Amino acid sequence: MDLFVVVIIAAILATVATVFLGVLTMSAGGSTDKTLSTPLMWARVGFQALTLLLLFVAIRLR
């Protein structure tokens, strides 16, 4: 497997993990939700942007 494919898969997994962590944090509620919801949302958006960028680069290189 190409290193670039491994990086794309890692970015996808990081996005999915951040989404699940955000959902678990929201379901817990309370002060944990208030302190972690915004940073987790920004992390998810960043991982999604990275994943899309890597996918577009992979399409252009192939």
Protein backbone atom coordinates (compact mmCIF):
# COMPACT_ATOMS: atom_id res chain seq x y z
CA MET A 1 0.00 0.00 0.00
CA ASP A 2 1.21 3.47 -0.88
CA LEU A 3 2.20 5.82 1.97
CA PHE A 4 -0.20 8.43 0.62
CA VAL A 5 -3.11 5.98 0.93
CA VAL A 6 -2.11 5.22 4.52
CA VAL A 7 -2.12 8.95 5.34
CA ILE A 8 -5.58 9.35 3.78
CA ILE A 9 -6.93 6.39 5.76
CA ALA A 10 -5.42 7.81 8.95
CA ALA A 11 -7.11 11.18 8.28
CA ILE A 12 -10.45 9.45 7.71
CA LEU A 13 -10.09 7.45 10.92
CA ALA A 14 -9.16 10.59 12.86
CA THR A 15 -12.30 12.30 11.53
CA VAL A 16 -14.52 9.37 12.50
CA ALA A 17 -12.92 9.12 15.95
CA THR A 18 -13.46 12.84 16.55
CA VAL A 19 -17.11 12.57 15.52
CA PHE A 20 -17.72 9.67 17.91
CA LEU A 21 -15.87 11.42 20.72
CA GLY A 22 -17.97 14.53 20.14
CA VAL A 23 -21.20 12.54 20.25
CA LEU A 24 -20.15 10.81 23.46
CA THR A 25 -19.20 14.14 25.00
CA MET A 26 -22.54 15.68 24.04
CA SER A 27 -24.44 12.73 25.47
CA ALA A 28 -22.60 13.11 28.80
CA GLY A 29 -23.73 16.72 29.09
CA GLY A 30 -22.78 18.96 31.95
CA SER A 31 -19.50 20.82 32.25
CA THR A 32 -17.64 18.27 30.10
CA ASP A 33 -19.92 19.05 27.19
CA LYS A 34 -19.49 22.79 27.65
CA THR A 35 -15.70 22.65 27.77
CA LEU A 36 -15.02 20.07 25.05
CA SER A 37 -17.78 20.49 22.46
CA THR A 38 -16.27 23.46 20.63
CA PRO A 39 -12.66 22.18 20.49
CA LEU A 40 -13.90 18.78 19.28
CA MET A 41 -16.02 20.46 16.61
CA TRP A 42 -13.02 22.43 15.34
CA ALA A 43 -10.86 19.31 15.40
CA ARG A 44 -13.49 17.48 13.34
CA VAL A 45 -13.70 20.31 10.82
CA GLY A 46 -9.91 20.36 10.56
CA PHE A 47 -9.68 16.61 10.03
CA GLN A 48 -12.44 16.76 7.42
CA ALA A 49 -10.66 19.56 5.58
CA LEU A 50 -7.39 17.62 5.68
CA THR A 51 -9.10 14.49 4.39
CA LEU A 52 -10.76 16.35 1.52
CA LEU A 53 -7.51 18.08 0.62
CA LEU A 54 -5.64 14.77 0.58
CA LEU A 55 -8.35 13.14 -1.53
CA PHE A 56 -8.27 15.98 -4.07
CA VAL A 57 -4.48 15.76 -4.26
CA ALA A 58 -4.71 11.99 -4.73
CA ILE A 59 -7.19 12.43 -7.57
CA ARG A 60 -5.00 15.03 -9.27
CA LEU A 61 -1.86 12.87 -8.96
CA ARG A 62 -3.42 9.74 -10.41
